[in-house]
Amino acid sequence: MVSVTLDSNVYISALNYGGPPLRLLNLAREGMIRLDVSDAILEEFAGVLRDKFRWSDEDIADAQHEIMWDCIKVGGGHNAASASQESAG
């Protein structure tokens, strides 16, 4: 299975606008790809949704929960890109 790390902007676009970014999330839900996400990506995602799009904390928490359902959390001394490269090698 292909492991993919998406920038926080892809998640934001998927949730606000749909289109190709949402198709990527749907591929993960269907088990076609594995999404890797880090705390840093989730924090940036939350900040932009709160500050730019005026999402409530409850809606942000719900969105993060939905994203985590379809993702593998990476971290612990690795950034998301390096963890994906290690799992591919």
C-alpha atoms as a PDB file:
ATOM      1  CA  MET A   1       0.000   0.000   0.000  1.00  0.00           C
ATOM      2  CA  VAL A   2       1.223   3.483  -0.818  1.00  0.00           C
ATOM      3  CA  SER A   3       1.902   5.728   2.172  1.00  0.00           C
ATOM      4  CA  VAL A   4       1.144   9.420   1.649  1.00  0.00           C
ATOM      5  CA  THR A   5       1.786  12.471   3.815  1.00  0.00           C
ATOM      6  CA  LEU A   6      -0.449  15.400   2.952  1.00  0.00           C
ATOM      7  CA  ASP A   7       0.160  19.029   3.792  1.00  0.00           C
ATOM      8  CA  SER A   8      -2.361  20.569   6.171  1.00  0.00           C
ATOM      9  CA  ASN A   9      -3.691  22.676   3.281  1.00  0.00           C
ATOM     10  CA  VAL A  10      -4.888  19.523   1.515  1.00  0.00           C
ATOM     11  CA  TYR A  11      -7.013  18.553   4.531  1.00  0.00           C
ATOM     12  CA  ILE A  12      -8.316  22.111   4.819  1.00  0.00           C
ATOM     13  CA  SER A  13      -9.234  22.212   1.127  1.00  0.00           C
ATOM     14  CA  ALA A  14     -10.887  18.789   1.314  1.00  0.00           C
ATOM     15  CA  LEU A  15     -13.128  19.839   4.190  1.00  0.00           C
ATOM     16  CA  ASN A  16     -13.966  23.300   2.880  1.00  0.00           C
ATOM     17  CA  TYR A  17     -14.099  22.833  -0.889  1.00  0.00           C
ATOM     18  CA  GLY A  18     -14.063  19.120  -1.803  1.00  0.00           C
ATOM     19  CA  GLY A  19     -12.617  18.281  -5.220  1.00  0.00           C
ATOM     20  CA  PRO A  20      -9.311  16.422  -5.672  1.00  0.00           C
ATOM     21  CA  PRO A  21      -8.250  16.891  -2.015  1.00  0.00           C
ATOM     22  CA  LEU A  22     -11.438  15.172  -0.847  1.00  0.00           C
ATOM     23  CA  ARG A  23     -10.832  12.382  -3.359  1.00  0.00           C
ATOM     24  CA  LEU A  24      -7.481  11.730  -1.636  1.00  0.00           C
ATOM     25  CA  LEU A  25      -9.210  11.392   1.738  1.00  0.00           C
ATOM     26  CA  ASN A  26     -11.764   9.070   0.165  1.00  0.00           C
ATOM     27  CA  LEU A  27      -8.968   6.891  -1.234  1.00  0.00           C
ATOM     28  CA  ALA A  28      -7.718   6.462   2.336  1.00  0.00           C
ATOM     29  CA  ARG A  29     -11.212   5.600   3.563  1.00  0.00           C
ATOM     30  CA  GLU A  30     -11.431   2.972   0.830  1.00  0.00           C
ATOM     31  CA  GLY A  31      -8.070   1.501   1.845  1.00  0.00           C
ATOM     32  CA  MET A  32      -6.362   2.382  -1.433  1.00  0.00           C
ATOM     33  CA  ILE A  33      -3.692   4.562   0.229  1.00  0.00           C
ATOM     34  CA  ARG A  34      -2.419   5.044   3.770  1.00  0.00           C
ATOM     35  CA  LEU A  35      -2.270   8.596   5.069  1.00  0.00           C
ATOM     36  CA  ASP A  36       0.425   9.514   7.588  1.00  0.00           C
ATOM     37  CA  VAL A  37      -0.177  12.572   9.757  1.00  0.00           C
ATOM     38  CA  SER A  38       1.856  14.257  12.492  1.00  0.00           C
ATOM     39  CA  ASP A  39       0.936  16.394  15.483  1.00  0.00           C
ATOM     40  CA  ALA A  40       2.439  19.390  13.658  1.00  0.00           C
ATOM     41  CA  ILE A  41       0.108  18.880  10.682  1.00  0.00           C
ATOM     42  CA  LEU A  42      -2.915  18.498  12.979  1.00  0.00           C
ATOM     43  CA  GLU A  43      -1.981  21.636  14.931  1.00  0.00           C
ATOM     44  CA  GLU A  44      -1.510  23.712  11.781  1.00  0.00           C
ATOM     45  CA  PHE A  45      -4.767  22.336  10.381  1.00  0.00           C
ATOM     46  CA  ALA A  46      -6.628  23.324  13.569  1.00  0.00           C
ATOM     47  CA  GLY A  47      -5.123  26.803  13.676  1.00  0.00           C
ATOM     48  CA  VAL A  48      -6.055  27.631  10.090  1.00  0.00           C
ATOM     49  CA  LEU A  49      -9.598  26.290  10.457  1.00  0.00           C
ATOM     50  CA  ARG A  50     -10.030  28.318  13.646  1.00  0.00           C
ATOM     51  CA  ASP A  51      -8.367  31.565  12.563  1.00  0.00           C
ATOM     52  CA  LYS A  52      -9.124  31.794   8.851  1.00  0.00           C
ATOM     53  CA  PHE A  53     -12.353  29.833   8.487  1.00  0.00           C
ATOM     54  CA  ARG A  54     -13.805  30.541  11.948  1.00  0.00           C
ATOM     55  CA  TRP A  55     -14.541  26.903  12.737  1.00  0.00           C
ATOM     56  CA  SER A  56     -15.574  26.182  16.322  1.00  0.00           C
ATOM     57  CA  ASP A  57     -13.294  24.126  18.555  1.00  0.00           C
ATOM     58  CA  GLU A  58     -15.926  21.368  18.572  1.00  0.00           C
ATOM     59  CA  ASP A  59     -16.059  21.238  14.767  1.00  0.00           C
ATOM     60  CA  ILE A  60     -12.245  21.184  14.589  1.00  0.00           C
ATOM     61  CA  ALA A  61     -12.078  18.331  17.097  1.00  0.00           C
ATOM     62  CA  ASP A  62     -14.670  16.399  15.064  1.00  0.00           C
ATOM     63  CA  ALA A  63     -12.692  16.957  11.856  1.00  0.00           C
ATOM     64  CA  GLN A  64      -9.432  15.868  13.509  1.00  0.00           C
ATOM     65  CA  HIS A  65     -11.152  12.743  14.800  1.00  0.00           C
ATOM     66  CA  GLU A  66     -12.419  11.938  11.297  1.00  0.00           C
ATOM     67  CA  ILE A  67      -8.955  12.470   9.825  1.00  0.00           C
ATOM     68  CA  MET A  68      -7.305  10.285  12.442  1.00  0.00           C
ATOM     69  CA  TRP A  69      -9.781   7.493  11.660  1.00  0.00           C
ATOM     70  CA  ASP A  70      -8.228   7.245   8.193  1.00  0.00           C
ATOM     71  CA  CYS A  71      -4.581   7.999   9.079  1.00  0.00           C
ATOM     72  CA  ILE A  72      -1.542   6.633  10.828  1.00  0.00           C
ATOM     73  CA  LYS A  73      -0.062   9.087  13.305  1.00  0.00           C
ATOM     74  CA  VAL A  74       3.675   9.544  12.926  1.00  0.00           C
ATOM     75  CA  GLY A  75       6.119  11.372  15.140  1.00  0.00           C
ATOM     76  CA  GLY A  76       8.474  10.709  18.005  1.00  0.00           C
ATOM     77  CA  GLY A  77      11.576  12.290  16.554  1.00  0.00           C
ATOM     78  CA  HIS A  78      10.546  11.852  12.940  1.00  0.00           C
ATOM     79  CA  ASN A  79       8.766  14.282  10.754  1.00  0.00           C
ATOM     80  CA  ALA A  80       5.988  12.906   8.594  1.00  0.00           C
ATOM     81  CA  ALA A  81       8.061  12.932   5.402  1.00  0.00           C
ATOM     82  CA  SER A  82      10.955  10.973   6.882  1.00  0.00           C
ATOM     83  CA  ALA A  83       8.628   8.427   8.490  1.00  0.00           C
ATOM     84  CA  SER A  84       6.937   7.821   5.134  1.00  0.00           C
ATOM     85  CA  GLN A  85      10.273   7.357   3.415  1.00  0.00           C
ATOM     86  CA  GLU A  86      11.410   4.886   6.091  1.00  0.00           C
ATOM     87  CA  SER A  87       8.240   2.816   5.761  1.00  0.00           C
ATOM     88  CA  ALA A  88       8.658   2.717   1.986  1.00  0.00           C
ATOM     89  CA  GLY A  89      12.266   1.508   2.221  1.00  0.00           C
END
